[in-house]
Protein backbone atom coordinates (compact mmCIF):
# COMPACT_ATOMS: atom_id res chain seq x y z
CA MET A 1 30.76 4.09 -46.92
CA THR A 2 27.87 2.75 -46.48
CA THR A 3 23.96 5.42 -46.33
CA ALA A 4 21.06 3.59 -43.94
CA ARG A 5 18.07 3.40 -46.21
CA PHE A 6 14.56 5.60 -45.20
CA ARG A 7 11.88 2.38 -45.12
CA PRO A 8 8.83 3.93 -44.38
CA GLY A 9 6.66 0.83 -43.52
CA LEU A 10 9.31 0.47 -41.20
CA TRP A 11 9.29 4.12 -39.58
CA ALA A 12 5.05 3.99 -39.84
CA ALA A 13 5.38 0.55 -37.55
CA LEU A 14 7.67 2.41 -35.30
CA VAL A 15 6.00 4.83 -34.67
CA THR A 16 2.47 2.91 -34.01
CA LEU A 17 4.58 0.79 -32.12
CA LEU A 18 5.88 4.05 -29.67
CA GLY A 19 2.29 5.03 -29.83
CA ALA A 20 0.83 2.44 -28.46
CA LEU A 21 3.07 2.21 -25.51
CA GLY A 22 2.74 5.57 -24.78
CA ALA A 23 -1.65 4.74 -24.61
CA VAL A 24 -0.01 1.62 -22.30
CA GLN A 25 1.37 3.85 -19.87
CA ALA A 26 -1.39 6.66 -20.25
CA GLN A 27 -3.83 4.35 -18.68
CA PRO A 28 -4.68 5.69 -14.92
CA VAL A 29 -4.32 2.63 -12.40
CA LEU A 30 -7.44 1.67 -11.15
CA ALA A 31 -7.78 1.90 -6.91
CA PRO A 32 -9.09 -2.23 -5.70
CA GLN A 33 -12.85 -2.49 -6.08
CA GLU A 34 -13.32 -2.56 -2.03
CA LEU A 35 -12.57 1.07 -2.26
CA GLN A 36 -15.04 1.65 -4.56
CA SER A 37 -17.05 2.11 -1.66
CA THR A 38 -15.32 3.81 1.49
CA LEU A 39 -12.83 5.85 -1.21
CA PRO A 40 -14.38 6.49 -4.09
CA LEU A 41 -12.25 9.26 -5.11
CA ALA A 42 -9.35 7.53 -4.64
CA THR A 43 -5.95 8.56 -6.26
CA LEU A 44 -2.31 5.76 -5.75
CA ALA A 45 -0.14 8.44 -3.72
CA GLY A 46 2.99 6.04 -4.62
CA ASP A 47 4.27 2.61 -4.55
CA SER A 48 7.08 0.50 -4.42
CA ARG A 49 8.33 -3.09 -3.49
CA PHE A 50 9.69 -3.79 -0.31
CA LYS A 51 13.03 -6.23 -0.40
CA VAL A 52 15.34 -7.77 2.70
CA TRP A 53 18.71 -8.52 1.53
CA GLY A 54 17.36 -8.67 -1.95
CA VAL A 55 14.76 -10.51 -1.83
CA GLY A 56 11.09 -9.43 -2.11
CA ILE A 57 8.57 -9.48 0.28
CA TYR A 58 5.63 -7.66 -0.87
CA ASP A 59 4.61 -5.51 -3.39
CA ALA A 60 3.00 -2.10 -1.59
CA LYS A 61 0.69 1.00 -2.60
CA LEU A 62 -0.70 3.84 -1.39
CA TRP A 63 -4.42 4.67 -2.10
CA VAL A 64 -5.01 8.53 -0.36
CA ALA A 65 -8.44 10.57 -0.72
CA PRO A 66 -8.33 14.57 -2.00
CA GLY A 67 -6.75 16.35 0.54
CA PHE A 68 -4.67 14.36 2.36
CA LYS A 69 -1.72 15.36 3.62
CA ALA A 70 1.18 12.97 4.42
CA ASP A 71 2.44 14.54 7.59
CA GLU A 72 -0.79 14.74 8.54
CA TYR A 73 -1.90 10.73 7.48
CA GLU A 74 -3.74 10.03 10.31
CA ARG A 75 -6.17 13.14 10.19
CA HIS A 76 -7.32 11.62 6.48
CA ALA A 77 -8.84 8.42 5.05
CA PHE A 78 -7.12 6.37 2.73
CA ALA A 79 -5.61 2.57 2.45
CA LEU A 80 -2.51 0.26 2.27
CA GLU A 81 -2.96 -2.29 -0.53
CA ILE A 82 -0.35 -4.83 0.06
CA THR A 83 0.42 -8.13 -2.51
CA TYR A 84 2.60 -10.13 -1.00
CA LEU A 85 5.36 -11.81 -2.77
CA ARG A 86 5.75 -15.00 -0.67
CA ASP A 87 3.84 -16.46 1.93
CA PHE A 88 3.35 -16.27 5.63
CA SER A 89 0.93 -17.38 8.65
CA ASN A 90 -1.44 -15.06 9.32
CA ALA A 91 0.58 -15.13 13.01
CA ALA A 92 4.21 -14.22 12.12
CA LEU A 93 2.28 -11.12 9.75
CA ALA A 94 0.55 -9.91 13.37
CA LYS A 95 3.89 -10.49 15.23
CA ARG A 96 5.32 -8.25 13.03
CA SER A 97 2.96 -5.68 13.17
CA VAL A 98 2.68 -5.50 16.52
CA GLU A 99 6.84 -5.59 16.48
CA GLU A 100 6.82 -2.35 13.76
CA MET A 101 3.98 -0.99 15.61
CA GLN A 102 6.05 -0.52 19.12
CA ARG A 103 8.09 1.68 16.90
CA GLN A 104 5.91 5.00 17.15
CA PRO A 105 5.69 6.92 20.26
CA ASP A 106 3.42 6.23 22.26
CA PHE A 107 2.60 2.77 22.11
CA PRO A 108 -0.06 1.81 24.67
CA LYS A 109 2.29 -1.71 26.21
CA ALA A 110 -1.35 -2.75 27.46
CA GLN A 111 -2.88 -2.99 24.11
CA LEU A 112 -0.07 -5.41 22.96
CA ALA A 113 -1.74 -8.60 23.87
CA SER A 114 -5.28 -7.25 22.29
CA TRP A 115 -4.07 -5.79 19.69
CA GLU A 116 -1.85 -9.30 18.11
CA HIS A 117 -4.77 -11.26 18.62
CA ALA A 118 -7.04 -8.74 16.73
CA LEU A 119 -4.92 -8.24 13.92
CA ARG A 120 -4.05 -12.62 13.67
CA SER A 121 -8.13 -12.35 13.48
CA ALA A 122 -7.50 -9.79 10.66
CA PHE A 123 -5.15 -11.69 8.98
CA PRO A 124 -5.71 -14.72 7.28
CA ASP A 125 -2.53 -17.06 6.24
CA VAL A 126 -1.49 -14.96 3.47
CA HIS A 127 0.40 -16.71 -0.10
CA LYS A 128 2.30 -15.12 -3.16
CA GLY A 129 -0.47 -13.09 -4.99
CA ASP A 130 -2.49 -13.02 -2.35
CA ARG A 131 -3.98 -9.07 -1.90
CA LEU A 132 -4.33 -7.41 1.46
CA THR A 133 -5.89 -4.18 1.92
CA ALA A 134 -6.47 -2.10 5.39
CA ILE A 135 -8.52 0.80 4.43
CA TYR A 136 -8.26 3.15 7.91
CA ARG A 137 -11.29 6.11 8.45
CA PRO A 138 -10.10 8.54 11.31
CA ASP A 139 -10.93 8.03 14.64
CA ARG A 140 -13.98 4.98 13.71
CA SER A 141 -11.76 1.71 12.33
CA THR A 142 -9.46 -0.48 10.65
CA ILE A 143 -11.20 -2.83 7.57
CA PHE A 144 -9.41 -5.57 6.41
CA PHE A 145 -9.77 -7.26 3.41
CA THR A 146 -8.09 -10.10 1.85
CA ASN A 147 -8.23 -10.60 -1.80
CA GLY A 148 -11.24 -7.91 -2.08
CA ARG A 149 -13.14 -9.94 0.80
CA GLU A 150 -13.58 -8.69 3.91
CA THR A 151 -11.92 -10.41 6.97
CA GLY A 152 -11.97 -8.17 9.54
CA VAL A 153 -12.43 -4.08 11.59
CA ILE A 154 -11.12 -2.77 14.49
CA THR A 155 -12.52 -0.42 16.06
CA ASP A 156 -9.75 1.48 18.59
CA ALA A 157 -9.36 4.60 17.31
CA GLY A 158 -6.20 4.65 18.63
CA PHE A 159 -5.11 1.40 16.33
CA GLY A 160 -5.37 2.62 13.01
CA PRO A 161 -2.25 5.33 13.55
CA LEU A 162 -0.09 3.60 15.04
CA PHE A 163 -0.87 0.51 12.38
CA PHE A 164 -0.14 2.46 9.61
CA GLY A 165 2.53 3.74 10.76
CA ILE A 166 4.50 1.32 10.78
CA TRP A 167 4.66 2.45 6.48
CA LEU A 168 3.60 6.12 6.35
CA SER A 169 5.44 7.66 9.69
CA THR A 170 8.93 9.48 9.87
CA HIS A 171 9.35 6.32 12.83
CA SER A 172 9.06 3.73 10.40
CA SER A 173 12.19 1.30 9.94
CA GLU A 174 11.34 1.47 6.28
CA PRO A 175 12.24 5.35 5.46
CA ARG A 176 12.77 4.57 1.53
CA LEU A 177 9.29 3.05 1.30
CA ARG A 178 7.69 5.78 3.08
CA GLU A 179 9.39 7.96 0.66
CA ALA A 180 7.89 6.21 -2.31
CA LEU A 181 4.84 5.08 -0.58
CA LEU A 182 3.88 9.03 -0.05
CA ALA A 183 5.86 10.70 -3.26
CA GLY A 184 1.99 11.92 -5.09
CA ALA A 185 1.08 13.03 -1.49
CA GLN A 186 1.47 16.93 0.32
CA PRO A 187 3.65 16.88 2.63
CA LYS A 188 1.46 19.09 4.66
């Protein structure tokens, strides 16, 4: 029968390593710089990787202000941050966004061409690692940033709830992604 010997040096190293890992995990997740002026108290509500057929498309994070309620997302300021894992043209992003927006109730078909054009102007072509952030300001505008630089503003008040509904509405085509993004938000 063999017995394990207690080794104080090994034990101390293990305790130090576990303590360091705990300290790393305890670090708060910092909001992107572009949120500092528009949502200075934003906290991370949830995040998730969006995949199609097992292939990663993007990582998404939802940043919310105090008082944000998931069931009333269109009444609160918040931001959606997307880091792309693949390359996409701005035309493909705009087209897919409008297709997903049409899944929302009361989508105004007359706005389709106008909003797709506005999105093409706000979105650049994206490459793997690029980060797009969209900030929603209720009844005012949606501001778009790419890698921290403002790339567009859509001032149509009807646009924001439908655009962000792609991810946050109960009509989202990706309910698991929605659930993950809203995981840390108050339901009502």
